[in-house]
Structure formats: C-alpha cells, structure tokens
Amino acid sequence: MFNRKVQRQKRHLRLRQRVIGTAARPRLSICVSNKHMYVQFIDDDAGRTLAQANTLKDEHANLATAKALGERAAEAAKAAGISIVVVDRGGRKYTGRIAAIVDAAVAAGIAITAKKEEK
C-alpha cells in the first residue's frame, strides 16, 4: 500500500543516503507535524544531537512561528558553536514552513552547504 506517509518515508530514506552530518558540519533536521515543528542539529558520526529548538510552547505552528523557530534554532546552534550545516528536509518539499525555517536560520547567520563533500 503506497499512501502519502509511506511515499514521504521512502523519499526521506533516499535523501538520507546523501545528507550526512559531521561534527564540523551537522545535519539540520526539520520535522513538521500538523501542530508543531522541531529542529535538531545532529552529528551523525557521533550519533548525538548538538542543539535543538521546537514550537511546543506555541499554540499552533504556522508560517510566523516557523520564522521565529528558525531564529531560535540559529541562536541555539551558535551557542553550541555551529556555523555551517547541511539541511535535511525530512522528505518534504522545500516550500512553506520548511523554507521559512531555513531562510530564517540563514538570515540569522547559519550557512548552508552542499549535500556531500567529495573525498
């Protein structure tokens, strides 16, 4: 059975083959539900979360709170010493709340790089 949830999970697995976070360049993982949004900065080599931000204290997650979440996530990242990241959009399209979070983080001083470094 191929419903939207299964298709998004398959896209996310395909995306995760190319998007890898390191200590120098962590993965900016964005999770958007109907009610809340979560942002994590993850070092995949060590398997740990370096910084995080969410909208659990906000009433509803909309575009305005997405921009505020991007700014809060950038502040948390800077406090953890993170200045450059690679974006993991979770199998979703880069529009709406996903784009608002990333754009606000970039405006607050976080740099975005390519998916994979050539070795």
PDB file of N, CA and C in Angstrom:
ATOM      1  N   MET A   1       0.848  -1.177   0.000  1.00  0.00           N
ATOM      2  CA  MET A   1       0.000   0.000   0.000  1.00  0.00           C
ATOM      3  C   MET A   1       0.893   1.239   0.000  1.00  0.00           C
ATOM      4  N   PHE A   2       0.695   2.124  -0.983  1.00  0.00           N
ATOM      5  CA  PHE A   2       1.505   3.320  -1.095  1.00  0.00           C
ATOM      6  C   PHE A   2       0.643   4.541  -0.835  1.00  0.00           C
ATOM      7  N   ASN A   3       0.642   4.981   0.409  1.00  0.00           N
ATOM      8  CA  ASN A   3      -0.048   6.214   0.726  1.00  0.00           C
ATOM      9  C   ASN A   3       0.980   7.330   0.867  1.00  0.00           C
ATOM     10  N   ARG A   4       0.542   8.528   1.170  1.00  0.00           N
ATOM     11  CA  ARG A   4       1.453   9.673   1.232  1.00  0.00           C
ATOM     12  C   ARG A   4       2.514   9.513   2.303  1.00  0.00           C
ATOM     13  N   LYS A   5       2.147   8.921   3.434  1.00  0.00           N
ATOM     14  CA  LYS A   5       3.100   8.749   4.529  1.00  0.00           C
ATOM     15  C   LYS A   5       4.235   7.807   4.120  1.00  0.00           C
ATOM     16  N   VAL A   6       3.903   6.708   3.486  1.00  0.00           N
ATOM     17  CA  VAL A   6       4.918   5.747   3.041  1.00  0.00           C
ATOM     18  C   VAL A   6       5.795   6.369   1.965  1.00  0.00           C
ATOM     19  N   GLN A   7       5.193   7.116   1.044  1.00  0.00           N
ATOM     20  CA  GLN A   7       5.975   7.760  -0.012  1.00  0.00           C
ATOM     21  C   GLN A   7       6.945   8.786   0.567  1.00  0.00           C
ATOM     22  N   ARG A   8       6.513   9.560   1.581  1.00  0.00           N
ATOM     23  CA  ARG A   8       7.410  10.534   2.209  1.00  0.00           C
ATOM     24  C   ARG A   8       8.545   9.829   2.919  1.00  0.00           C
ATOM     25  N   GLN A   9       8.256   8.713   3.596  1.00  0.00           N
ATOM     26  CA  GLN A   9       9.301   7.961   4.284  1.00  0.00           C
ATOM     27  C   GLN A   9      10.325   7.421   3.297  1.00  0.00           C
ATOM     28  N   LYS A  10       9.883   6.960   2.136  1.00  0.00           N
ATOM     29  CA  LYS A  10      10.808   6.457   1.114  1.00  0.00           C
ATOM     30  C   LYS A  10      11.680   7.594   0.573  1.00  0.00           C
ATOM     31  N   ARG A  11      11.064   8.780   0.341  1.00  0.00           N
ATOM     32  CA  ARG A  11      11.847   9.937  -0.107  1.00  0.00           C
ATOM     33  C   ARG A  11      12.883  10.319   0.933  1.00  0.00           C
ATOM     34  N   HIS A  12      12.500  10.279   2.215  1.00  0.00           N
ATOM     35  CA  HIS A  12      13.415  10.635   3.292  1.00  0.00           C
ATOM     36  C   HIS A  12      14.585   9.655   3.354  1.00  0.00           C
ATOM     37  N   LEU A  13      14.333   8.368   3.199  1.00  0.00           N
ATOM     38  CA  LEU A  13      15.417   7.387   3.194  1.00  0.00           C
ATOM     39  C   LEU A  13      16.375   7.622   2.034  1.00  0.00           C
ATOM     40  N   ARG A  14      15.830   7.950   0.855  1.00  0.00           N
ATOM     41  CA  ARG A  14      16.683   8.259  -0.299  1.00  0.00           C
ATOM     42  C   ARG A  14      17.529   9.492  -0.038  1.00  0.00           C
ATOM     43  N   LEU A  15      16.915  10.496   0.568  1.00  0.00           N
ATOM     44  CA  LEU A  15      17.609  11.744   0.872  1.00  0.00           C
ATOM     45  C   LEU A  15      18.713  11.526   1.904  1.00  0.00           C
ATOM     46  N   ARG A  16      18.453  10.671   2.898  1.00  0.00           N
ATOM     47  CA  ARG A  16      19.418  10.429   3.977  1.00  0.00           C
ATOM     48  C   ARG A  16      20.655   9.674   3.494  1.00  0.00           C
ATOM     49  N   GLN A  17      20.598   9.049   2.328  1.00  0.00           N
ATOM     50  CA  GLN A  17      21.784   8.414   1.779  1.00  0.00           C
ATOM     51  C   GLN A  17      22.816   9.451   1.357  1.00  0.00           C
ATOM     52  N   ARG A  18      22.343  10.636   1.015  1.00  0.00           N
ATOM     53  CA  ARG A  18      23.234  11.696   0.556  1.00  0.00           C
ATOM     54  C   ARG A  18      23.514  12.759   1.599  1.00  0.00           C
ATOM     55  N   VAL A  19      22.598  12.981   2.538  1.00  0.00           N
ATOM     56  CA  VAL A  19      22.739  14.038   3.537  1.00  0.00           C
ATOM     57  C   VAL A  19      23.302  13.428   4.814  1.00  0.00           C
ATOM     58  N   ILE A  20      24.568  13.764   5.105  1.00  0.00           N
ATOM     59  CA  ILE A  20      25.251  13.216   6.270  1.00  0.00           C
ATOM     60  C   ILE A  20      25.814  14.366   7.092  1.00  0.00           C
ATOM     61  N   GLY A  21      25.545  14.353   8.386  1.00  0.00           N
ATOM     62  CA  GLY A  21      26.052  15.392   9.271  1.00  0.00           C
ATOM     63  C   GLY A  21      27.331  14.945   9.966  1.00  0.00           C
ATOM     64  N   THR A  22      28.262  15.865  10.106  1.00  0.00           N
ATOM     65  CA  THR A  22      29.509  15.598  10.812  1.00  0.00           C
ATOM     66  C   THR A  22      29.639  16.602  11.950  1.00  0.00           C
ATOM     67  N   ALA A  23      30.708  16.486  12.723  1.00  0.00           N
ATOM     68  CA  ALA A  23      30.913  17.429  13.819  1.00  0.00           C
ATOM     69  C   ALA A  23      31.181  18.831  13.271  1.00  0.00           C
ATOM     70  N   ALA A  24      31.909  18.917  12.159  1.00  0.00           N
ATOM     71  CA  ALA A  24      32.219  20.218  11.572  1.00  0.00           C
ATOM     72  C   ALA A  24      31.015  20.814  10.843  1.00  0.00           C
ATOM     73  N   ARG A  25      30.162  19.945  10.293  1.00  0.00           N
ATOM     74  CA  ARG A  25      29.015  20.384   9.515  1.00  0.00           C
ATOM     75  C   ARG A  25      27.817  19.505   9.855  1.00  0.00           C
ATOM     76  N   PRO A  26      27.109  19.791  10.958  1.00  0.00           N
ATOM     77  CA  PRO A  26      25.991  18.942  11.377  1.00  0.00           C
ATOM     78  C   PRO A  26      24.794  19.019  10.426  1.00  0.00           C
ATOM     79  N   ARG A  27      23.909  18.070  10.581  1.00  0.00           N
ATOM     80  CA  ARG A  27      22.688  17.988   9.782  1.00  0.00           C
ATOM     81  C   ARG A  27      21.587  18.773  10.485  1.00  0.00           C
ATOM     82  N   LEU A  28      20.979  19.704   9.780  1.00  0.00           N
ATOM     83  CA  LEU A  28      19.841  20.475  10.285  1.00  0.00           C
ATOM     84  C   LEU A  28      18.592  19.693   9.921  1.00  0.00           C
ATOM     85  N   SER A  29      18.070  18.923  10.859  1.00  0.00           N
ATOM     86  CA  SER A  29      16.912  18.070  10.626  1.00  0.00           C
ATOM     87  C   SER A  29      15.644  18.815  11.014  1.00  0.00           C
ATOM     88  N   ILE A  30      14.688  18.862  10.085  1.00  0.00           N
ATOM     89  CA  ILE A  30      13.433  19.579  10.314  1.00  0.00           C
ATOM     90  C   ILE A  30      12.283  18.578  10.286  1.00  0.00           C
ATOM     91  N   CYS A  31      11.483  18.589  11.343  1.00  0.00           N
ATOM     92  CA  CYS A  31      10.299  17.741  11.427  1.00  0.00           C
ATOM     93  C   CYS A  31       9.090  18.652  11.600  1.00  0.00           C
ATOM     94  N   VAL A  32       8.125  18.527  10.704  1.00  0.00           N
ATOM     95  CA  VAL A  32       6.924  19.356  10.744  1.00  0.00           C
ATOM     96  C   VAL A  32       5.718  18.448  10.878  1.00  0.00           C
ATOM     97  N   SER A  33       4.939  18.648  11.933  1.00  0.00           N
ATOM     98  CA  SER A  33       3.679  17.917  12.096  1.00  0.00           C
ATOM     99  C   SER A  33       2.532  18.898  11.881  1.00  0.00           C
ATOM    100  N   ASN A  34       1.332  18.439  12.055  1.00  0.00           N
ATOM    101  CA  ASN A  34       0.187  19.331  11.890  1.00  0.00           C
ATOM    102  C   ASN A  34       0.141  20.402  12.968  1.00  0.00           C
ATOM    103  N   LYS A  35       0.667  20.101  14.158  1.00  0.00           N
ATOM    104  CA  LYS A  35       0.550  21.007  15.289  1.00  0.00           C
ATOM    105  C   LYS A  35       1.860  21.695  15.662  1.00  0.00           C
ATOM    106  N   HIS A  36       2.982  21.019  15.537  1.00  0.00           N
ATOM    107  CA  HIS A  36       4.267  21.566  15.988  1.00  0.00           C
ATOM    108  C   HIS A  36       5.374  21.351  14.968  1.00  0.00           C
ATOM    109  N   MET A  37       6.499  22.046  15.211  1.00  0.00           N
ATOM    110  CA  MET A  37       7.685  21.911  14.376  1.00  0.00           C
ATOM    111  C   MET A  37       8.892  21.710  15.286  1.00  0.00           C
ATOM    112  N   TYR A  38       9.846  20.907  14.815  1.00  0.00           N
ATOM    113  CA  TYR A  38      11.039  20.586  15.591  1.00  0.00           C
ATOM    114  C   TYR A  38      12.255  20.746  14.692  1.00  0.00           C
ATOM    115  N   VAL A  39      13.328  21.306  15.241  1.00  0.00           N
ATOM    116  CA  VAL A  39      14.583  21.454  14.519  1.00  0.00           C
ATOM    117  C   VAL A  39      15.692  20.892  15.399  1.00  0.00           C
ATOM    118  N   GLN A  40      16.546  20.043  14.808  1.00  0.00           N
ATOM    119  CA  GLN A  40      17.677  19.483  15.532  1.00  0.00           C
ATOM    120  C   GLN A  40      18.933  19.631  14.697  1.00  0.00           C
ATOM    121  N   PHE A  41      20.051  19.858  15.361  1.00  0.00           N
ATOM    122  CA  PHE A  41      21.359  19.868  14.728  1.00  0.00           C
ATOM    123  C   PHE A  41      22.052  18.587  15.164  1.00  0.00           C
ATOM    124  N   ILE A  42      22.280  17.661  14.217  1.00  0.00           N
ATOM    125  CA  ILE A  42      22.710  16.307  14.546  1.00  0.00           C
ATOM    126  C   ILE A  42      24.079  16.002  13.953  1.00  0.00           C
ATOM    127  N   ASP A  43      24.957  15.427  14.787  1.00  0.00           N
ATOM    128  CA  ASP A  43      26.240  14.898  14.345  1.00  0.00           C
ATOM    129  C   ASP A  43      26.041  13.400  14.122  1.00  0.00           C
ATOM    130  N   ASP A  44      25.958  12.974  12.866  1.00  0.00           N
ATOM    131  CA  ASP A  44      25.685  11.568  12.563  1.00  0.00           C
ATOM    132  C   ASP A  44      26.874  10.668  12.870  1.00  0.00           C
ATOM    133  N   ASP A  45      28.094  11.208  12.816  1.00  0.00           N
ATOM    134  CA  ASP A  45      29.272  10.394  13.130  1.00  0.00           C
ATOM    135  C   ASP A  45      29.244   9.937  14.589  1.00  0.00           C
ATOM    136  N   ALA A  46      28.935  10.862  15.495  1.00  0.00           N
ATOM    137  CA  ALA A  46      28.878  10.534  16.919  1.00  0.00           C
ATOM    138  C   ALA A  46      27.499  10.029  17.330  1.00  0.00           C
ATOM    139  N   GLY A  47      26.483  10.285  16.503  1.00  0.00           N
ATOM    140  CA  GLY A  47      25.134   9.850  16.821  1.00  0.00           C
ATOM    141  C   GLY A  47      24.488  10.645  17.943  1.00  0.00           C
ATOM    142  N   ARG A  48      24.747  11.951  17.961  1.00  0.00           N
ATOM    143  CA  ARG A  48      24.157  12.758  19.031  1.00  0.00           C
ATOM    144  C   ARG A  48      23.637  14.090  18.509  1.00  0.00           C
ATOM    145  N   THR A  49      22.667  14.627  19.244  1.00  0.00           N
ATOM    146  CA  THR A  49      22.080  15.923  18.925  1.00  0.00           C
ATOM    147  C   THR A  49      22.905  17.009  19.597  1.00  0.00           C
ATOM    148  N   LEU A  50      23.343  18.001  18.817  1.00  0.00           N
ATOM    149  CA  LEU A  50      24.186  19.071  19.343  1.00  0.00           C
ATOM    150  C   LEU A  50      23.362  20.250  19.860  1.00  0.00           C
ATOM    151  N   ALA A  51      22.243  20.543  19.203  1.00  0.00           N
ATOM    152  CA  ALA A  51      21.356  21.636  19.615  1.00  0.00           C
ATOM    153  C   ALA A  51      19.973  21.354  19.050  1.00  0.00           C
ATOM    154  N   GLN A  52      18.941  21.992  19.648  1.00  0.00           N
ATOM    155  CA  GLN A  52      17.574  21.774  19.180  1.00  0.00           C
ATOM    156  C   GLN A  52      16.709  22.969  19.518  1.00  0.00           C
ATOM    157  N   ALA A  53      15.589  23.055  18.806  1.00  0.00           N
ATOM    158  CA  ALA A  53      14.562  24.066  19.081  1.00  0.00           C
ATOM    159  C   ALA A  53      13.228  23.495  18.612  1.00  0.00           C
ATOM    160  N   ASN A  54      12.119  23.941  19.243  1.00  0.00           N
ATOM    161  CA  ASN A  54      10.798  23.448  18.858  1.00  0.00           C
ATOM    162  C   ASN A  54       9.734  24.486  19.166  1.00  0.00           C
ATOM    163  N   THR A  55       8.498  24.173  18.771  1.00  0.00           N
ATOM    164  CA  THR A  55       7.379  25.089  18.980  1.00  0.00           C
ATOM    165  C   THR A  55       6.395  24.544  20.004  1.00  0.00           C
ATOM    166  N   LEU A  56       6.849  23.741  20.943  1.00  0.00           N
ATOM    167  CA  LEU A  56       5.934  23.109  21.894  1.00  0.00           C
ATOM    168  C   LEU A  56       5.222  24.112  22.794  1.00  0.00           C
ATOM    169  N   LYS A  57       5.823  25.265  23.053  1.00  0.00           N
ATOM    170  CA  LYS A  57       5.181  26.268  23.907  1.00  0.00           C
ATOM    171  C   LYS A  57       4.244  27.175  23.130  1.00  0.00           C
ATOM    172  N   ASP A  58       4.321  27.141  21.793  1.00  0.00           N
ATOM    173  CA  ASP A  58       3.426  27.948  20.956  1.00  0.00           C
ATOM    174  C   ASP A  58       2.105  27.223  20.780  1.00  0.00           C
ATOM    175  N   GLU A  59       1.051  27.971  20.538  1.00  0.00           N
ATOM    176  CA  GLU A  59      -0.291  27.380  20.399  1.00  0.00           C
ATOM    177  C   GLU A  59      -0.406  26.546  19.120  1.00  0.00           C
ATOM    178  N   HIS A  60      -0.143  27.160  17.980  1.00  0.00           N
ATOM    179  CA  HIS A  60      -0.212  26.464  16.700  1.00  0.00           C
ATOM    180  C   HIS A  60       1.001  26.851  15.866  1.00  0.00           C
ATOM    181  N   ALA A  61       1.505  25.901  15.096  1.00  0.00           N
ATOM    182  CA  ALA A  61       2.688  26.148  14.276  1.00  0.00           C
ATOM    183  C   ALA A  61       2.253  26.656  12.908  1.00  0.00           C
ATOM    184  N   ASN A  62       2.487  27.934  12.643  1.00  0.00           N
ATOM    185  CA  ASN A  62       2.161  28.498  11.343  1.00  0.00           C
ATOM    186  C   ASN A  62       3.413  29.139  10.754  1.00  0.00           C
ATOM    187  N   LEU A  63       3.251  29.874   9.672  1.00  0.00           N
ATOM    188  CA  LEU A  63       4.400  30.440   8.976  1.00  0.00           C
ATOM    189  C   LEU A  63       5.147  31.453   9.841  1.00  0.00           C
ATOM    190  N   ALA A  64       4.441  32.250  10.639  1.00  0.00           N
ATOM    191  CA  ALA A  64       5.096  33.230  11.505  1.00  0.00           C
ATOM    192  C   ALA A  64       5.920  32.536  12.585  1.00  0.00           C
ATOM    193  N   THR A  65       5.383  31.464  13.156  1.00  0.00           N
ATOM    194  CA  THR A  65       6.145  30.749  14.170  1.00  0.00           C
ATOM    195  C   THR A  65       7.296  29.967  13.540  1.00  0.00           C
ATOM    196  N   ALA A  66       7.177  29.617  12.247  1.00  0.00           N
ATOM    197  CA  ALA A  66       8.272  28.940  11.558  1.00  0.00           C
ATOM    198  C   ALA A  66       9.477  29.875  11.454  1.00  0.00           C
ATOM    199  N   LYS A  67       9.219  31.137  11.152  1.00  0.00           N
ATOM    200  CA  LYS A  67      10.316  32.108  11.077  1.00  0.00           C
ATOM    201  C   LYS A  67      10.949  32.307  12.447  1.00  0.00           C
ATOM    202  N   ALA A  68      10.125  32.400  13.481  1.00  0.00           N
ATOM    203  CA  ALA A  68      10.647  32.551  14.840  1.00  0.00           C
ATOM    204  C   ALA A  68      11.430  31.305  15.260  1.00  0.00           C
ATOM    205  N   LEU A  69      10.956  30.131  14.848  1.00  0.00           N
ATOM    206  CA  LEU A  69      11.661  28.888  15.167  1.00  0.00           C
ATOM    207  C   LEU A  69      13.016  28.847  14.481  1.00  0.00           C
ATOM    208  N   GLY A  70      13.095  29.309  13.241  1.00  0.00           N
ATOM    209  CA  GLY A  70      14.376  29.359  12.534  1.00  0.00           C
ATOM    210  C   GLY A  70      15.370  30.260  13.246  1.00  0.00           C
ATOM    211  N   GLU A  71      14.900  31.387  13.762  1.00  0.00           N
ATOM    212  CA  GLU A  71      15.773  32.303  14.501  1.00  0.00           C
ATOM    213  C   GLU A  71      16.228  31.678  15.822  1.00  0.00           C
ATOM    214  N   ARG A  72      15.288  31.024  16.545  1.00  0.00           N
ATOM    215  CA  ARG A  72      15.653  30.358  17.804  1.00  0.00           C
ATOM    216  C   ARG A  72      16.626  29.213  17.558  1.00  0.00           C
ATOM    217  N   ALA A  73      16.436  28.481  16.464  1.00  0.00           N
ATOM    218  CA  ALA A  73      17.332  27.378  16.133  1.00  0.00           C
ATOM    219  C   ALA A  73      18.731  27.899  15.817  1.00  0.00           C
ATOM    220  N   ALA A  74      18.815  29.018  15.115  1.00  0.00           N
ATOM    221  CA  ALA A  74      20.111  29.606  14.806  1.00  0.00           C
ATOM    222  C   ALA A  74      20.821  30.075  16.072  1.00  0.00           C
ATOM    223  N   GLU A  75      20.074  30.647  17.016  1.00  0.00           N
ATOM    224  CA  GLU A  75      20.672  31.061  18.287  1.00  0.00           C
ATOM    225  C   GLU A  75      21.194  29.856  19.064  1.00  0.00           C
ATOM    226  N   ALA A  76      20.420  28.768  19.077  1.00  0.00           N
ATOM    227  CA  ALA A  76      20.851  27.553  19.774  1.00  0.00           C
ATOM    228  C   ALA A  76      22.088  26.961  19.105  1.00  0.00           C
ATOM    229  N   ALA A  77      22.133  27.026  17.771  1.00  0.00           N
ATOM    230  CA  ALA A  77      23.284  26.497  17.041  1.00  0.00           C
ATOM    231  C   ALA A  77      24.536  27.324  17.325  1.00  0.00           C
ATOM    232  N   LYS A  78      24.380  28.634  17.320  1.00  0.00           N
ATOM    233  CA  LYS A  78      25.536  29.492  17.608  1.00  0.00           C
ATOM    234  C   LYS A  78      26.040  29.281  19.026  1.00  0.00           C
ATOM    235  N   ALA A  79      25.120  29.039  19.967  1.00  0.00           N
ATOM    236  CA  ALA A  79      25.526  28.771  21.345  1.00  0.00           C
ATOM    237  C   ALA A  79      26.305  27.458  21.437  1.00  0.00           C
ATOM    238  N   ALA A  80      26.002  26.510  20.543  1.00  0.00           N
ATOM    239  CA  ALA A  80      26.712  25.229  20.525  1.00  0.00           C
ATOM    240  C   ALA A  80      27.953  25.276  19.636  1.00  0.00           C
ATOM    241  N   GLY A  81      28.231  26.433  19.030  1.00  0.00           N
ATOM    242  CA  GLY A  81      29.422  26.586  18.196  1.00  0.00           C
ATOM    243  C   GLY A  81      29.231  26.107  16.768  1.00  0.00           C
ATOM    244  N   ILE A  82      28.008  26.090  16.285  1.00  0.00           N
ATOM    245  CA  ILE A  82      27.709  25.623  14.930  1.00  0.00           C
ATOM    246  C   ILE A  82      27.492  26.834  14.030  1.00  0.00           C
ATOM    247  N   SER A  83      28.198  26.861  12.900  1.00  0.00           N
ATOM    248  CA  SER A  83      28.029  27.979  11.981  1.00  0.00           C
ATOM    249  C   SER A  83      27.682  27.526  10.572  1.00  0.00           C
ATOM    250  N   ILE A  84      27.922  26.254  10.241  1.00  0.00           N
ATOM    251  CA  ILE A  84      27.651  25.749   8.904  1.00  0.00           C
ATOM    252  C   ILE A  84      26.951  24.399   9.024  1.00  0.00           C
ATOM    253  N   VAL A  85      25.880  24.195   8.244  1.00  0.00           N
ATOM    254  CA  VAL A  85      25.068  22.971   8.348  1.00  0.00           C
ATOM    255  C   VAL A  85      24.683  22.461   6.963  1.00  0.00           C
ATOM    256  N   VAL A  86      24.169  21.243   6.931  1.00  0.00           N
ATOM    257  CA  VAL A  86      23.546  20.680   5.742  1.00  0.00           C
ATOM    258  C   VAL A  86      22.087  20.404   6.110  1.00  0.00           C
ATOM    259  N   VAL A  87      21.143  20.711   5.228  1.00  0.00           N
ATOM    260  CA  VAL A  87      19.721  20.669   5.547  1.00  0.00           C
ATOM    261  C   VAL A  87      19.118  19.310   5.191  1.00  0.00           C
ATOM    262  N   ASP A  88      18.392  18.742   6.145  1.00  0.00           N
ATOM    263  CA  ASP A  88      17.605  17.527   5.941  1.00  0.00           C
ATOM    264  C   ASP A  88      16.142  17.926   6.077  1.00  0.00           C
ATOM    265  N   ARG A  89      15.418  17.969   4.957  1.00  0.00           N
ATOM    266  CA  ARG A  89      14.035  18.447   4.959  1.00  0.00           C
ATOM    267  C   ARG A  89      13.046  17.348   5.274  1.00  0.00           C
ATOM    268  N   GLY A  90      13.500  16.151   5.566  1.00  0.00           N
ATOM    269  CA  GLY A  90      12.638  15.061   6.006  1.00  0.00           C
ATOM    270  C   GLY A  90      11.734  14.484   4.930  1.00  0.00           C
ATOM    271  N   GLY A  91      12.153  14.546   3.676  1.00  0.00           N
ATOM    272  CA  GLY A  91      11.343  14.000   2.599  1.00  0.00           C
ATOM    273  C   GLY A  91      10.225  14.910   2.146  1.00  0.00           C
ATOM    274  N   ARG A  92      10.159  16.095   2.690  1.00  0.00           N
ATOM    275  CA  ARG A  92       9.111  17.043   2.315  1.00  0.00           C
ATOM    276  C   ARG A  92       9.656  18.033   1.286  1.00  0.00           C
ATOM    277  N   LYS A  93       8.750  18.744   0.608  1.00  0.00           N
ATOM    278  CA  LYS A  93       9.159  19.748  -0.367  1.00  0.00           C
ATOM    279  C   LYS A  93       9.741  20.962   0.347  1.00  0.00           C
ATOM    280  N   TYR A  94      10.638  21.647  -0.336  1.00  0.00           N
ATOM    281  CA  TYR A  94      11.277  22.832   0.228  1.00  0.00           C
ATOM    282  C   TYR A  94      10.394  24.057  -0.038  1.00  0.00           C
ATOM    283  N   THR A  95       9.236  24.091   0.591  1.00  0.00           N
ATOM    284  CA  THR A  95       8.310  25.216   0.476  1.00  0.00           C
ATOM    285  C   THR A  95       7.675  25.452   1.832  1.00  0.00           C
ATOM    286  N   GLY A  96       6.932  26.524   1.952  1.00  0.00           N
ATOM    287  CA  GLY A  96       6.144  26.789   3.150  1.00  0.00           C
ATOM    288  C   GLY A  96       6.955  26.888   4.418  1.00  0.00           C
ATOM    289  N   ARG A  97       6.569  26.100   5.428  1.00  0.00           N
ATOM    290  CA  ARG A  97       7.195  26.176   6.746  1.00  0.00           C
ATOM    291  C   ARG A  97       8.642  25.690   6.719  1.00  0.00           C
ATOM    292  N   ILE A  98       8.951  24.686   5.894  1.00  0.00           N
ATOM    293  CA  ILE A  98      10.331  24.193   5.788  1.00  0.00           C
ATOM    294  C   ILE A  98      11.239  25.318   5.284  1.00  0.00           C
ATOM    295  N   ALA A  99      10.834  25.961   4.191  1.00  0.00           N
ATOM    296  CA  ALA A  99      11.619  27.048   3.621  1.00  0.00           C
ATOM    297  C   ALA A  99      11.715  28.229   4.584  1.00  0.00           C
ATOM    298  N   ALA A 100      10.650  28.521   5.321  1.00  0.00           N
ATOM    299  CA  ALA A 100      10.656  29.639   6.266  1.00  0.00           C
ATOM    300  C   ALA A 100      11.650  29.386   7.391  1.00  0.00           C
ATOM    301  N   ILE A 101      11.724  28.152   7.873  1.00  0.00           N
ATOM    302  CA  ILE A 101      12.677  27.817   8.939  1.00  0.00           C
ATOM    303  C   ILE A 101      14.105  27.988   8.445  1.00  0.00           C
ATOM    304  N   VAL A 102      14.401  27.436   7.274  1.00  0.00           N
ATOM    305  CA  VAL A 102      15.766  27.506   6.742  1.00  0.00           C
ATOM    306  C   VAL A 102      16.139  28.941   6.397  1.00  0.00           C
ATOM    307  N   ASP A 103      15.238  29.681   5.771  1.00  0.00           N
ATOM    308  CA  ASP A 103      15.531  31.074   5.409  1.00  0.00           C
ATOM    309  C   ASP A 103      15.779  31.934   6.643  1.00  0.00           C
ATOM    310  N   ALA A 104      15.012  31.721   7.709  1.00  0.00           N
ATOM    311  CA  ALA A 104      15.216  32.484   8.942  1.00  0.00           C
ATOM    312  C   ALA A 104      16.542  32.116   9.593  1.00  0.00           C
ATOM    313  N   ALA A 105      16.925  30.848   9.536  1.00  0.00           N
ATOM    314  CA  ALA A 105      18.210  30.426  10.097  1.00  0.00           C
ATOM    315  C   ALA A 105      19.371  31.025   9.309  1.00  0.00           C
ATOM    316  N   VAL A 106      19.237  31.075   7.986  1.00  0.00           N
ATOM    317  CA  VAL A 106      20.277  31.679   7.144  1.00  0.00           C
ATOM    318  C   VAL A 106      20.371  33.177   7.418  1.00  0.00           C
ATOM    319  N   ALA A 107      19.222  33.830   7.570  1.00  0.00           N
ATOM    320  CA  ALA A 107      19.221  35.265   7.867  1.00  0.00           C
ATOM    321  C   ALA A 107      19.852  35.549   9.227  1.00  0.00           C
ATOM    322  N   ALA A 108      19.758  34.579  10.153  1.00  0.00           N
ATOM    323  CA  ALA A 108      20.335  34.760  11.493  1.00  0.00           C
ATOM    324  C   ALA A 108      21.810  34.388  11.541  1.00  0.00           C
ATOM    325  N   GLY A 109      22.383  33.928  10.407  1.00  0.00           N
ATOM    326  CA  GLY A 109      23.821  33.714  10.363  1.00  0.00           C
ATOM    327  C   GLY A 109      24.297  32.285  10.194  1.00  0.00           C
ATOM    328  N   ILE A 110      23.407  31.341   9.958  1.00  0.00           N
ATOM    329  CA  ILE A 110      23.815  29.951   9.732  1.00  0.00           C
ATOM    330  C   ILE A 110      24.048  29.764   8.236  1.00  0.00           C
ATOM    331  N   ALA A 111      25.174  29.162   7.874  1.00  0.00           N
ATOM    332  CA  ALA A 111      25.495  28.919   6.462  1.00  0.00           C
ATOM    333  C   ALA A 111      25.049  27.515   6.068  1.00  0.00           C
ATOM    334  N   ILE A 112      24.603  27.360   4.823  1.00  0.00           N
ATOM    335  CA  ILE A 112      24.129  26.094   4.288  1.00  0.00           C
ATOM    336  C   ILE A 112      25.128  25.624   3.241  1.00  0.00           C
ATOM    337  N   THR A 113      25.477  24.313   3.276  1.00  0.00           N
ATOM    338  CA  THR A 113      26.408  23.766   2.298  1.00  0.00           C
ATOM    339  C   THR A 113      25.735  22.735   1.417  1.00  0.00           C
ATOM    340  N   ALA A 114      26.534  22.179   0.517  1.00  0.00           N
ATOM    341  CA  ALA A 114      26.048  21.118  -0.371  1.00  0.00           C
ATOM    342  C   ALA A 114      25.807  19.845   0.408  1.00  0.00           C
ATOM    343  N   LYS A 115      25.187  18.861  -0.265  1.00  0.00           N
ATOM    344  CA  LYS A 115      24.782  17.639   0.416  1.00  0.00           C
ATOM    345  C   LYS A 115      25.953  16.786   0.873  1.00  0.00           C
ATOM    346  N   LYS A 116      26.973  16.616   0.010  1.00  0.00           N
ATOM    347  CA  LYS A 116      28.027  15.669   0.309  1.00  0.00           C
ATOM    348  C   LYS A 116      29.367  16.245  -0.131  1.00  0.00           C
ATOM    349  N   GLU A 117      30.359  16.138   0.728  1.00  0.00           N
ATOM    350  CA  GLU A 117      31.689  16.582   0.350  1.00  0.00           C
ATOM    351  C   GLU A 117      32.362  15.501  -0.477  1.00  0.00           C
ATOM    352  N   GLU A 118      33.074  15.895  -1.515  1.00  0.00           N
ATOM    353  CA  GLU A 118      33.820  14.947  -2.339  1.00  0.00           C
ATOM    354  C   GLU A 118      35.101  14.591  -1.629  1.00  0.00           C
ATOM    355  N   LYS A 119      35.417  13.297  -1.608  1.00  0.00           N
ATOM    356  CA  LYS A 119      36.627  12.848  -0.911  1.00  0.00           C
ATOM    357  C   LYS A 119      37.744  12.554  -1.858  1.00  0.00           C
TER     358      LYS A 119
END
